[in-house]
Amino acid sequence: MKIGRITLIDPATAVKQKGFDSELEKVTAKVFLEPSEFITRPVVNDRKAIKSALLELCDEEKCPLVLTFGGVGPAPTDIVPDVTMEIFERHLPGFGEVMRWVSYERAKVSILSRAEAGVRGQSLIVNMPSRPRPTRFCFKILQEPIAEAIEQLSGAKPGLRGDEIEVPIDKYLPFLKKLRPKPEPGGPKHPIIGE
């Protein structure tokens, strides 16, 4: 599957390229069953350059998935979401909402993200963080909706490995114990277990 990748090379908002490409390839290898072909477009932090790269990857390269990295914060130089919103044919707000909501517990500053997602033609476009660790986390929590969107838009069926985020059971165990407390010794048996 072809994956379009746009990274910013402006020093103020640049993605650190060293090791990032290999990190992203490792993430996709853990998510998708089939190999991915990355089509990378490094661009300066300029509206015309970002828009041109997005249009090329969607309209010419026909990438089922297009990812942008960085430039999604509140600073005046963070313009990636604004540019991507201009070329969407349909907006998919759930992607950005889930990334912010799930990431908030890990990093409170994630609430500052303006990441968006949407559709152009048969391409799904998703704004991602600029650093490998949050990118890896967000990509994993979005793997199922990304695969479903790709299938609905282009007909491709990217297989998933099922490498999902693990639920910290120790965090929710006290709550589960309250739902199903242990019976008192010699007391009534559980209605199902005791049968």
N, C-alpha and C. Protein backbone atom coordinates (compact mmCIF):
# COMPACT_ATOMS: atom_id res chain seq x y z
N MET A 1 0.83 -1.19 0.00
CA MET A 1 0.00 0.00 0.00
C MET A 1 0.87 1.25 0.00
N LYS A 2 0.50 2.21 -0.82
CA LYS A 2 1.25 3.46 -0.87
C LYS A 2 0.80 4.40 0.25
N ILE A 3 1.76 4.92 0.98
CA ILE A 3 1.49 5.88 2.05
C ILE A 3 2.25 7.16 1.75
N GLY A 4 1.52 8.25 1.55
CA GLY A 4 2.15 9.54 1.33
C GLY A 4 2.57 10.14 2.67
N ARG A 5 3.75 10.75 2.67
CA ARG A 5 4.29 11.30 3.92
C ARG A 5 4.83 12.70 3.66
N ILE A 6 4.31 13.66 4.42
CA ILE A 6 4.76 15.05 4.29
C ILE A 6 5.41 15.46 5.60
N THR A 7 6.67 15.87 5.51
CA THR A 7 7.40 16.33 6.69
C THR A 7 7.89 17.76 6.45
N LEU A 8 7.88 18.53 7.50
CA LEU A 8 8.30 19.93 7.41
C LEU A 8 9.80 20.05 7.62
N ILE A 9 10.45 20.86 6.81
CA ILE A 9 11.88 21.05 6.92
C ILE A 9 12.24 22.44 7.42
N ASP A 10 11.22 23.22 7.78
CA ASP A 10 11.48 24.53 8.36
C ASP A 10 12.06 24.33 9.76
N PRO A 11 13.17 25.00 10.12
CA PRO A 11 13.79 24.79 11.42
C PRO A 11 12.86 25.03 12.61
N ALA A 12 11.90 25.92 12.46
CA ALA A 12 11.02 26.24 13.58
C ALA A 12 10.05 25.11 13.91
N THR A 13 9.68 24.32 12.91
CA THR A 13 8.68 23.26 13.13
C THR A 13 9.09 21.93 12.52
N ALA A 14 10.37 21.77 12.29
CA ALA A 14 10.83 20.60 11.54
C ALA A 14 10.67 19.30 12.31
N VAL A 15 10.41 18.25 11.59
CA VAL A 15 10.45 16.91 12.13
C VAL A 15 11.90 16.45 12.10
N LYS A 16 12.36 15.89 13.19
CA LYS A 16 13.72 15.38 13.22
C LYS A 16 13.78 14.11 12.38
N GLN A 17 14.42 14.22 11.25
CA GLN A 17 14.41 13.13 10.29
C GLN A 17 15.26 11.94 10.72
N LYS A 18 16.30 12.20 11.53
CA LYS A 18 17.19 11.11 11.90
C LYS A 18 16.44 10.05 12.69
N GLY A 19 16.33 8.90 12.12
CA GLY A 19 15.67 7.79 12.79
C GLY A 19 14.15 7.80 12.69
N PHE A 20 13.58 8.94 12.26
CA PHE A 20 12.12 9.02 12.23
C PHE A 20 11.53 8.16 11.12
N ASP A 21 12.18 8.14 9.95
CA ASP A 21 11.68 7.34 8.83
C ASP A 21 11.64 5.86 9.20
N SER A 22 12.72 5.38 9.80
CA SER A 22 12.76 3.97 10.18
C SER A 22 11.76 3.67 11.28
N GLU A 23 11.56 4.63 12.19
CA GLU A 23 10.59 4.45 13.27
C GLU A 23 9.18 4.31 12.70
N LEU A 24 8.83 5.16 11.75
CA LEU A 24 7.51 5.10 11.15
C LEU A 24 7.31 3.80 10.39
N GLU A 25 8.34 3.34 9.71
CA GLU A 25 8.24 2.08 8.99
C GLU A 25 8.04 0.91 9.94
N LYS A 26 8.66 0.97 11.10
CA LYS A 26 8.47 -0.08 12.10
C LYS A 26 7.04 -0.08 12.61
N VAL A 27 6.49 1.11 12.82
CA VAL A 27 5.12 1.22 13.31
C VAL A 27 4.15 0.63 12.31
N THR A 28 4.28 1.00 11.04
CA THR A 28 3.37 0.49 10.02
C THR A 28 3.54 -1.02 9.83
N ALA A 29 4.78 -1.50 9.99
CA ALA A 29 5.02 -2.94 9.86
C ALA A 29 4.29 -3.71 10.97
N LYS A 30 4.15 -3.07 12.14
CA LYS A 30 3.45 -3.72 13.24
C LYS A 30 1.93 -3.62 13.10
N VAL A 31 1.48 -2.67 12.29
CA VAL A 31 0.04 -2.45 12.13
C VAL A 31 -0.51 -3.18 10.91
N PHE A 32 0.11 -2.94 9.74
CA PHE A 32 -0.41 -3.51 8.50
C PHE A 32 0.32 -4.81 8.15
N LEU A 33 -0.42 -5.77 7.62
CA LEU A 33 0.16 -7.05 7.25
C LEU A 33 1.04 -6.94 6.01
N GLU A 34 0.56 -6.16 5.01
CA GLU A 34 1.32 -6.05 3.77
C GLU A 34 2.36 -4.93 3.86
N PRO A 35 3.45 -5.04 3.08
CA PRO A 35 4.48 -4.00 3.10
C PRO A 35 3.93 -2.66 2.61
N SER A 36 4.48 -1.58 3.12
CA SER A 36 4.04 -0.24 2.74
C SER A 36 5.13 0.44 1.91
N GLU A 37 4.68 1.16 0.89
CA GLU A 37 5.60 1.95 0.06
C GLU A 37 5.41 3.41 0.43
N PHE A 38 6.45 4.02 0.98
CA PHE A 38 6.35 5.41 1.40
C PHE A 38 6.77 6.35 0.28
N ILE A 39 5.93 7.34 0.05
CA ILE A 39 6.26 8.40 -0.91
C ILE A 39 6.40 9.68 -0.10
N THR A 40 7.63 10.10 0.11
CA THR A 40 7.93 11.20 1.02
C THR A 40 8.10 12.51 0.28
N ARG A 41 7.50 13.55 0.85
CA ARG A 41 7.63 14.89 0.30
C ARG A 41 8.04 15.85 1.41
N PRO A 42 9.37 16.09 1.58
CA PRO A 42 9.79 17.11 2.55
C PRO A 42 9.46 18.49 1.98
N VAL A 43 8.82 19.34 2.77
CA VAL A 43 8.43 20.66 2.29
C VAL A 43 8.79 21.72 3.32
N VAL A 44 8.97 22.93 2.84
CA VAL A 44 9.16 24.06 3.75
C VAL A 44 7.80 24.40 4.37
N ASN A 45 7.85 25.09 5.49
CA ASN A 45 6.61 25.44 6.20
C ASN A 45 5.95 26.63 5.51
N ASP A 46 5.37 26.33 4.36
CA ASP A 46 4.75 27.35 3.52
C ASP A 46 3.42 26.80 3.00
N ARG A 47 2.40 27.63 2.98
CA ARG A 47 1.06 27.19 2.59
C ARG A 47 1.04 26.57 1.19
N LYS A 48 1.65 27.27 0.24
CA LYS A 48 1.62 26.78 -1.13
C LYS A 48 2.37 25.46 -1.27
N ALA A 49 3.51 25.34 -0.58
CA ALA A 49 4.31 24.12 -0.66
C ALA A 49 3.58 22.93 -0.04
N ILE A 50 2.95 23.16 1.11
CA ILE A 50 2.22 22.08 1.78
C ILE A 50 1.01 21.66 0.95
N LYS A 51 0.28 22.64 0.44
CA LYS A 51 -0.90 22.33 -0.37
C LYS A 51 -0.52 21.58 -1.64
N SER A 52 0.56 22.01 -2.28
CA SER A 52 1.02 21.35 -3.50
C SER A 52 1.38 19.89 -3.24
N ALA A 53 2.07 19.64 -2.12
CA ALA A 53 2.46 18.27 -1.78
C ALA A 53 1.23 17.40 -1.49
N LEU A 54 0.27 17.96 -0.78
CA LEU A 54 -0.96 17.22 -0.48
C LEU A 54 -1.72 16.86 -1.76
N LEU A 55 -1.85 17.82 -2.64
CA LEU A 55 -2.57 17.58 -3.89
C LEU A 55 -1.86 16.54 -4.76
N GLU A 56 -0.53 16.60 -4.78
CA GLU A 56 0.24 15.63 -5.56
C GLU A 56 0.02 14.21 -5.04
N LEU A 57 0.12 14.04 -3.71
CA LEU A 57 0.00 12.71 -3.12
C LEU A 57 -1.41 12.15 -3.27
N CYS A 58 -2.41 13.04 -3.21
CA CYS A 58 -3.81 12.59 -3.32
C CYS A 58 -4.26 12.42 -4.77
N ASP A 59 -4.02 13.43 -5.57
CA ASP A 59 -4.58 13.47 -6.92
C ASP A 59 -3.72 12.77 -7.97
N GLU A 60 -2.39 12.82 -7.80
CA GLU A 60 -1.50 12.23 -8.80
C GLU A 60 -0.99 10.86 -8.38
N GLU A 61 -0.47 10.77 -7.16
CA GLU A 61 0.07 9.50 -6.69
C GLU A 61 -1.04 8.54 -6.24
N LYS A 62 -2.23 9.08 -5.95
CA LYS A 62 -3.37 8.26 -5.53
C LYS A 62 -3.06 7.42 -4.28
N CYS A 63 -2.40 8.03 -3.33
CA CYS A 63 -2.08 7.31 -2.09
C CYS A 63 -3.35 7.10 -1.27
N PRO A 64 -3.66 5.87 -0.89
CA PRO A 64 -4.84 5.65 -0.05
C PRO A 64 -4.74 6.33 1.31
N LEU A 65 -3.50 6.49 1.80
CA LEU A 65 -3.27 7.14 3.09
C LEU A 65 -2.19 8.20 2.94
N VAL A 66 -2.49 9.40 3.41
CA VAL A 66 -1.53 10.51 3.38
C VAL A 66 -1.38 11.04 4.80
N LEU A 67 -0.15 11.04 5.30
CA LEU A 67 0.14 11.49 6.66
C LEU A 67 1.01 12.73 6.63
N THR A 68 0.67 13.71 7.46
CA THR A 68 1.53 14.88 7.64
C THR A 68 2.09 14.82 9.05
N PHE A 69 3.29 15.34 9.23
CA PHE A 69 3.95 15.28 10.53
C PHE A 69 4.40 16.66 10.98
N GLY A 70 3.85 17.09 12.12
CA GLY A 70 4.24 18.37 12.68
C GLY A 70 3.38 19.53 12.22
N GLY A 71 3.59 20.67 12.85
CA GLY A 71 2.88 21.89 12.46
C GLY A 71 1.42 21.92 12.83
N VAL A 72 1.05 21.22 13.94
CA VAL A 72 -0.37 21.13 14.30
C VAL A 72 -0.71 21.87 15.60
N GLY A 73 0.25 22.62 16.13
CA GLY A 73 0.02 23.33 17.39
C GLY A 73 -0.66 24.67 17.22
N PRO A 74 -0.68 25.48 18.29
CA PRO A 74 -1.36 26.77 18.25
C PRO A 74 -0.49 27.94 17.79
N ALA A 75 0.80 27.69 17.57
CA ALA A 75 1.71 28.78 17.19
C ALA A 75 1.34 29.33 15.81
N PRO A 76 1.66 30.59 15.55
CA PRO A 76 1.35 31.18 14.24
C PRO A 76 1.98 30.44 13.07
N THR A 77 3.11 29.76 13.32
CA THR A 77 3.78 29.02 12.24
C THR A 77 3.17 27.64 12.01
N ASP A 78 2.27 27.19 12.90
CA ASP A 78 1.66 25.87 12.77
C ASP A 78 0.44 25.98 11.85
N ILE A 79 0.64 25.71 10.57
CA ILE A 79 -0.40 25.96 9.58
C ILE A 79 -0.89 24.69 8.87
N VAL A 80 -0.33 23.54 9.22
CA VAL A 80 -0.67 22.31 8.50
C VAL A 80 -2.17 21.98 8.55
N PRO A 81 -2.82 22.04 9.74
CA PRO A 81 -4.27 21.75 9.76
C PRO A 81 -5.08 22.72 8.91
N ASP A 82 -4.67 23.98 8.89
CA ASP A 82 -5.40 24.98 8.11
C ASP A 82 -5.33 24.67 6.61
N VAL A 83 -4.14 24.25 6.16
CA VAL A 83 -3.97 23.94 4.75
C VAL A 83 -4.73 22.67 4.38
N THR A 84 -4.64 21.66 5.24
CA THR A 84 -5.33 20.40 4.93
C THR A 84 -6.84 20.59 4.90
N MET A 85 -7.36 21.44 5.78
CA MET A 85 -8.81 21.70 5.80
C MET A 85 -9.26 22.32 4.47
N GLU A 86 -8.37 23.07 3.83
CA GLU A 86 -8.72 23.73 2.57
C GLU A 86 -8.96 22.73 1.44
N ILE A 87 -8.28 21.58 1.50
CA ILE A 87 -8.39 20.64 0.37
C ILE A 87 -9.31 19.46 0.66
N PHE A 88 -9.82 19.37 1.89
CA PHE A 88 -10.74 18.27 2.20
C PHE A 88 -12.01 18.36 1.35
N GLU A 89 -12.48 17.23 0.91
CA GLU A 89 -13.82 17.13 0.32
C GLU A 89 -14.83 16.76 1.40
N ARG A 90 -14.33 16.01 2.40
CA ARG A 90 -15.15 15.66 3.56
C ARG A 90 -14.26 15.65 4.79
N HIS A 91 -14.77 16.24 5.85
CA HIS A 91 -14.04 16.35 7.10
C HIS A 91 -14.39 15.16 7.99
N LEU A 92 -13.37 14.57 8.64
CA LEU A 92 -13.58 13.46 9.58
C LEU A 92 -13.06 13.89 10.95
N PRO A 93 -13.83 14.64 11.71
CA PRO A 93 -13.35 15.21 12.96
C PRO A 93 -13.02 14.20 14.04
N GLY A 94 -13.57 12.99 13.94
CA GLY A 94 -13.35 11.99 14.99
C GLY A 94 -11.89 11.63 15.19
N PHE A 95 -11.10 11.64 14.13
CA PHE A 95 -9.69 11.26 14.25
C PHE A 95 -8.94 12.21 15.20
N GLY A 96 -9.08 13.51 14.96
CA GLY A 96 -8.40 14.48 15.81
C GLY A 96 -8.93 14.46 17.23
N GLU A 97 -10.24 14.28 17.37
CA GLU A 97 -10.85 14.25 18.70
C GLU A 97 -10.32 13.08 19.52
N VAL A 98 -10.22 11.91 18.89
CA VAL A 98 -9.73 10.73 19.60
C VAL A 98 -8.26 10.89 19.97
N MET A 99 -7.45 11.41 19.06
CA MET A 99 -6.03 11.61 19.36
C MET A 99 -5.84 12.52 20.56
N ARG A 100 -6.60 13.60 20.61
CA ARG A 100 -6.47 14.54 21.73
C ARG A 100 -6.97 13.91 23.02
N TRP A 101 -8.11 13.24 22.96
CA TRP A 101 -8.74 12.70 24.15
C TRP A 101 -7.90 11.58 24.77
N VAL A 102 -7.43 10.64 23.93
CA VAL A 102 -6.66 9.52 24.45
C VAL A 102 -5.26 9.95 24.87
N SER A 103 -4.68 10.91 24.16
CA SER A 103 -3.31 11.34 24.48
C SER A 103 -3.26 12.24 25.70
N TYR A 104 -4.37 12.83 26.09
CA TYR A 104 -4.38 13.81 27.18
C TYR A 104 -3.87 13.23 28.48
N GLU A 105 -4.22 11.97 28.76
CA GLU A 105 -3.79 11.35 30.02
C GLU A 105 -2.29 11.18 30.05
N ARG A 106 -1.69 10.99 28.90
CA ARG A 106 -0.24 10.81 28.82
C ARG A 106 0.50 12.14 28.83
N ALA A 107 -0.04 13.10 28.11
CA ALA A 107 0.61 14.40 28.00
C ALA A 107 -0.46 15.48 27.93
N LYS A 108 -0.54 16.29 28.96
CA LYS A 108 -1.59 17.31 29.04
C LYS A 108 -1.52 18.31 27.88
N VAL A 109 -0.31 18.53 27.35
CA VAL A 109 -0.16 19.51 26.27
C VAL A 109 -0.78 19.02 24.97
N SER A 110 -1.17 17.75 24.91
CA SER A 110 -1.79 17.24 23.68
C SER A 110 -3.10 17.95 23.37
N ILE A 111 -3.69 18.59 24.38
CA ILE A 111 -4.93 19.32 24.16
C ILE A 111 -4.71 20.52 23.24
N LEU A 112 -3.45 20.93 23.07
CA LEU A 112 -3.13 22.05 22.18
C LEU A 112 -3.09 21.65 20.72
N SER A 113 -3.13 20.36 20.47
CA SER A 113 -3.05 19.89 19.08
C SER A 113 -4.30 20.28 18.30
N ARG A 114 -4.10 20.70 17.05
CA ARG A 114 -5.22 21.02 16.16
C ARG A 114 -5.29 20.02 15.01
N ALA A 115 -4.72 18.84 15.23
CA ALA A 115 -4.67 17.81 14.19
C ALA A 115 -6.07 17.51 13.65
N GLU A 116 -6.16 17.33 12.34
CA GLU A 116 -7.42 17.05 11.68
C GLU A 116 -7.26 15.85 10.75
N ALA A 117 -8.37 15.38 10.23
CA ALA A 117 -8.35 14.31 9.23
C ALA A 117 -9.52 14.52 8.29
N GLY A 118 -9.36 14.02 7.08
CA GLY A 118 -10.43 14.18 6.11
C GLY A 118 -10.16 13.39 4.85
N VAL A 119 -11.04 13.57 3.89
CA VAL A 119 -11.01 12.79 2.66
C VAL A 119 -10.85 13.71 1.46
N ARG A 120 -9.99 13.28 0.55
CA ARG A 120 -9.92 13.93 -0.76
C ARG A 120 -9.84 12.82 -1.81
N GLY A 121 -10.85 12.73 -2.66
CA GLY A 121 -10.89 11.66 -3.63
C GLY A 121 -10.96 10.32 -2.93
N GLN A 122 -9.98 9.46 -3.20
CA GLN A 122 -9.90 8.15 -2.56
C GLN A 122 -8.81 8.10 -1.50
N SER A 123 -8.37 9.28 -1.06
CA SER A 123 -7.29 9.37 -0.08
C SER A 123 -7.79 9.81 1.28
N LEU A 124 -7.28 9.17 2.31
CA LEU A 124 -7.50 9.60 3.69
C LEU A 124 -6.29 10.39 4.13
N ILE A 125 -6.51 11.61 4.61
CA ILE A 125 -5.42 12.48 5.07
C ILE A 125 -5.53 12.63 6.58
N VAL A 126 -4.42 12.41 7.28
CA VAL A 126 -4.42 12.53 8.74
C VAL A 126 -3.21 13.35 9.18
N ASN A 127 -3.44 14.38 9.97
CA ASN A 127 -2.36 15.16 10.58
C ASN A 127 -1.86 14.41 11.81
N MET A 128 -0.56 14.16 11.88
CA MET A 128 0.04 13.43 13.00
C MET A 128 1.01 14.33 13.77
N PRO A 129 1.37 13.92 14.99
CA PRO A 129 2.38 14.68 15.76
C PRO A 129 3.73 14.67 15.05
N SER A 130 4.64 15.46 15.55
CA SER A 130 5.94 15.58 14.90
C SER A 130 6.99 14.65 15.49
N ARG A 131 6.71 14.06 16.66
CA ARG A 131 7.71 13.21 17.31
C ARG A 131 7.34 11.73 17.19
N PRO A 132 8.35 10.86 17.16
CA PRO A 132 8.09 9.43 16.95
C PRO A 132 7.19 8.79 18.01
N ARG A 133 7.43 9.08 19.28
CA ARG A 133 6.68 8.37 20.33
C ARG A 133 5.18 8.66 20.27
N PRO A 134 4.74 9.94 20.27
CA PRO A 134 3.30 10.19 20.15
C PRO A 134 2.73 9.75 18.81
N THR A 135 3.55 9.80 17.76
CA THR A 135 3.09 9.32 16.46
C THR A 135 2.79 7.83 16.52
N ARG A 136 3.70 7.07 17.15
CA ARG A 136 3.51 5.63 17.29
C ARG A 136 2.23 5.33 18.08
N PHE A 137 2.02 6.07 19.15
CA PHE A 137 0.84 5.86 19.99
C PHE A 137 -0.44 6.18 19.22
N CYS A 138 -0.47 7.33 18.56
CA CYS A 138 -1.67 7.73 17.82
C CYS A 138 -1.96 6.80 16.65
N PHE A 139 -0.90 6.37 15.98
CA PHE A 139 -1.09 5.49 14.83
C PHE A 139 -1.71 4.17 15.26
N LYS A 140 -1.32 3.67 16.41
CA LYS A 140 -1.86 2.40 16.89
C LYS A 140 -3.31 2.52 17.30
N ILE A 141 -3.68 3.62 17.96
CA ILE A 141 -5.07 3.74 18.39
C ILE A 141 -6.01 4.03 17.22
N LEU A 142 -5.42 4.50 16.11
CA LEU A 142 -6.24 4.82 14.93
C LEU A 142 -6.20 3.73 13.87
N GLN A 143 -5.52 2.64 14.13
CA GLN A 143 -5.30 1.65 13.07
C GLN A 143 -6.60 1.09 12.49
N GLU A 144 -7.57 0.77 13.34
CA GLU A 144 -8.82 0.20 12.83
C GLU A 144 -9.63 1.20 12.01
N PRO A 145 -9.86 2.43 12.51
CA PRO A 145 -10.59 3.39 11.66
C PRO A 145 -9.84 3.76 10.39
N ILE A 146 -8.50 3.79 10.44
CA ILE A 146 -7.73 4.06 9.22
C ILE A 146 -7.96 2.96 8.20
N ALA A 147 -7.88 1.71 8.63
CA ALA A 147 -8.08 0.59 7.71
C ALA A 147 -9.50 0.59 7.15
N GLU A 148 -10.48 0.88 8.00
CA GLU A 148 -11.87 0.90 7.55
C GLU A 148 -12.11 2.03 6.55
N ALA A 149 -11.53 3.20 6.82
CA ALA A 149 -11.69 4.34 5.91
C ALA A 149 -11.05 4.03 4.56
N ILE A 150 -9.86 3.44 4.57
CA ILE A 150 -9.18 3.10 3.32
C ILE A 150 -10.02 2.14 2.50
N GLU A 151 -10.61 1.15 3.16
CA GLU A 151 -11.44 0.18 2.45
C GLU A 151 -12.67 0.85 1.84
N GLN A 152 -13.31 1.74 2.59
CA GLN A 152 -14.50 2.40 2.07
C GLN A 152 -14.18 3.38 0.94
N LEU A 153 -13.02 4.02 1.02
CA LEU A 153 -12.67 5.04 0.02
C LEU A 153 -12.10 4.45 -1.27
N SER A 154 -11.18 3.49 -1.13
CA SER A 154 -10.46 3.00 -2.30
C SER A 154 -10.74 1.54 -2.63
N GLY A 155 -11.41 0.85 -1.74
CA GLY A 155 -11.67 -0.56 -1.98
C GLY A 155 -10.55 -1.47 -1.53
N ALA A 156 -9.40 -0.89 -1.17
CA ALA A 156 -8.29 -1.70 -0.66
C ALA A 156 -8.62 -2.20 0.74
N LYS A 157 -8.14 -3.38 1.06
CA LYS A 157 -8.42 -3.96 2.38
C LYS A 157 -7.11 -4.24 3.10
N PRO A 158 -6.55 -3.21 3.74
CA PRO A 158 -5.29 -3.43 4.46
C PRO A 158 -5.50 -4.32 5.68
N GLY A 159 -4.80 -5.45 5.70
CA GLY A 159 -4.92 -6.35 6.84
C GLY A 159 -4.21 -5.79 8.05
N LEU A 160 -4.75 -6.03 9.21
CA LEU A 160 -4.17 -5.55 10.46
C LEU A 160 -3.61 -6.72 11.26
N ARG A 161 -2.52 -6.46 11.94
CA ARG A 161 -1.90 -7.48 12.77
C ARG A 161 -2.59 -7.61 14.12
N GLY A 162 -3.42 -6.63 14.47
CA GLY A 162 -4.08 -6.68 15.76
C GLY A 162 -3.20 -6.24 16.90
N ASP A 163 -2.14 -5.48 16.59
CA ASP A 163 -1.24 -4.99 17.63
C ASP A 163 -1.86 -3.77 18.27
N GLU A 164 -2.83 -3.98 19.14
CA GLU A 164 -3.60 -2.89 19.72
C GLU A 164 -2.98 -2.40 21.02
N ILE A 165 -3.44 -1.24 21.45
CA ILE A 165 -2.99 -0.70 22.73
C ILE A 165 -3.46 -1.60 23.85
N GLU A 166 -2.55 -1.97 24.75
CA GLU A 166 -2.93 -2.82 25.87
C GLU A 166 -3.62 -2.00 26.95
N VAL A 167 -4.68 -2.56 27.49
CA VAL A 167 -5.39 -1.90 28.57
C VAL A 167 -4.69 -2.21 29.88
N PRO A 168 -4.28 -1.19 30.66
CA PRO A 168 -3.63 -1.45 31.94
C PRO A 168 -4.64 -2.01 32.95
N ILE A 169 -4.72 -3.34 33.03
CA ILE A 169 -5.75 -3.99 33.83
C ILE A 169 -5.64 -3.62 35.31
N ASP A 170 -4.40 -3.38 35.80
CA ASP A 170 -4.25 -3.03 37.21
C ASP A 170 -4.92 -1.69 37.53
N LYS A 171 -5.06 -0.85 36.52
CA LYS A 171 -5.69 0.45 36.73
C LYS A 171 -7.20 0.30 36.93
N TYR A 172 -7.79 -0.64 36.20
CA TYR A 172 -9.24 -0.82 36.25
C TYR A 172 -9.68 -1.96 37.17
N LEU A 173 -8.72 -2.72 37.74
CA LEU A 173 -9.05 -3.86 38.59
C LEU A 173 -9.89 -3.49 39.81
N PRO A 174 -9.54 -2.41 40.54
CA PRO A 174 -10.39 -2.05 41.69
C PRO A 174 -11.84 -1.81 41.31
N PHE A 175 -12.05 -1.18 40.15
CA PHE A 175 -13.41 -0.93 39.68
C PHE A 175 -14.13 -2.23 39.36
N LEU A 176 -13.39 -3.18 38.72
CA LEU A 176 -14.00 -4.46 38.38
C LEU A 176 -14.34 -5.26 39.62
N LYS A 177 -13.50 -5.15 40.65
CA LYS A 177 -13.78 -5.88 41.89
C LYS A 177 -15.04 -5.37 42.56
N LYS A 178 -15.30 -4.07 42.43
CA LYS A 178 -16.52 -3.51 43.02
C LYS A 178 -17.76 -4.02 42.29
N LEU A 179 -17.60 -4.23 40.97
CA LEU A 179 -18.72 -4.74 40.20
C LEU A 179 -19.05 -6.19 40.57
N ARG A 180 -18.01 -6.92 40.94
CA ARG A 180 -18.22 -8.34 41.25
C ARG A 180 -17.44 -8.69 42.51
N PRO A 181 -17.93 -8.28 43.69
CA PRO A 181 -17.20 -8.54 44.94
C PRO A 181 -17.18 -10.03 45.27
N LYS A 182 -16.16 -10.40 46.04
CA LYS A 182 -16.06 -11.79 46.46
C LYS A 182 -17.18 -12.10 47.45
N PRO A 183 -17.77 -13.31 47.34
CA PRO A 183 -18.82 -13.67 48.30
C PRO A 183 -18.24 -13.93 49.68
N GLU A 184 -19.03 -13.68 50.68
CA GLU A 184 -18.61 -13.94 52.05
C GLU A 184 -18.45 -15.45 52.25
N PRO A 185 -17.44 -15.86 53.05
CA PRO A 185 -17.28 -17.30 53.33
C PRO A 185 -18.55 -17.88 53.93
N GLY A 186 -19.04 -18.94 53.34
CA GLY A 186 -20.25 -19.57 53.85
C GLY A 186 -21.52 -18.89 53.39
N GLY A 187 -21.36 -17.78 52.63
CA GLY A 187 -22.52 -17.05 52.15
C GLY A 187 -23.09 -17.66 50.90
N PRO A 188 -24.03 -16.98 50.28
CA PRO A 188 -24.64 -17.52 49.05
C PRO A 188 -23.62 -17.57 47.93
N LYS A 189 -23.74 -18.61 47.12
CA LYS A 189 -22.82 -18.77 46.00
C LYS A 189 -23.22 -17.85 44.85
N HIS A 190 -22.26 -17.59 43.99
CA HIS A 190 -22.53 -16.78 42.80
C HIS A 190 -23.61 -17.49 41.98
N PRO A 191 -24.60 -16.76 41.45
CA PRO A 191 -25.72 -17.39 40.75
C PRO A 191 -25.33 -18.23 39.53
N ILE A 192 -24.18 -17.91 38.92
CA ILE A 192 -23.77 -18.67 37.76
C ILE A 192 -22.68 -19.67 38.12
N ILE A 193 -21.65 -19.16 38.79
CA ILE A 193 -20.49 -20.01 39.15
C ILE A 193 -20.95 -21.15 40.04
N GLY A 194 -21.89 -20.88 40.94
CA GLY A 194 -22.30 -21.89 41.92
C GLY A 194 -23.19 -22.96 41.34
N GLU A 195 -23.71 -22.78 40.16
CA GLU A 195 -24.61 -23.79 39.57
C GLU A 195 -23.87 -25.04 39.16
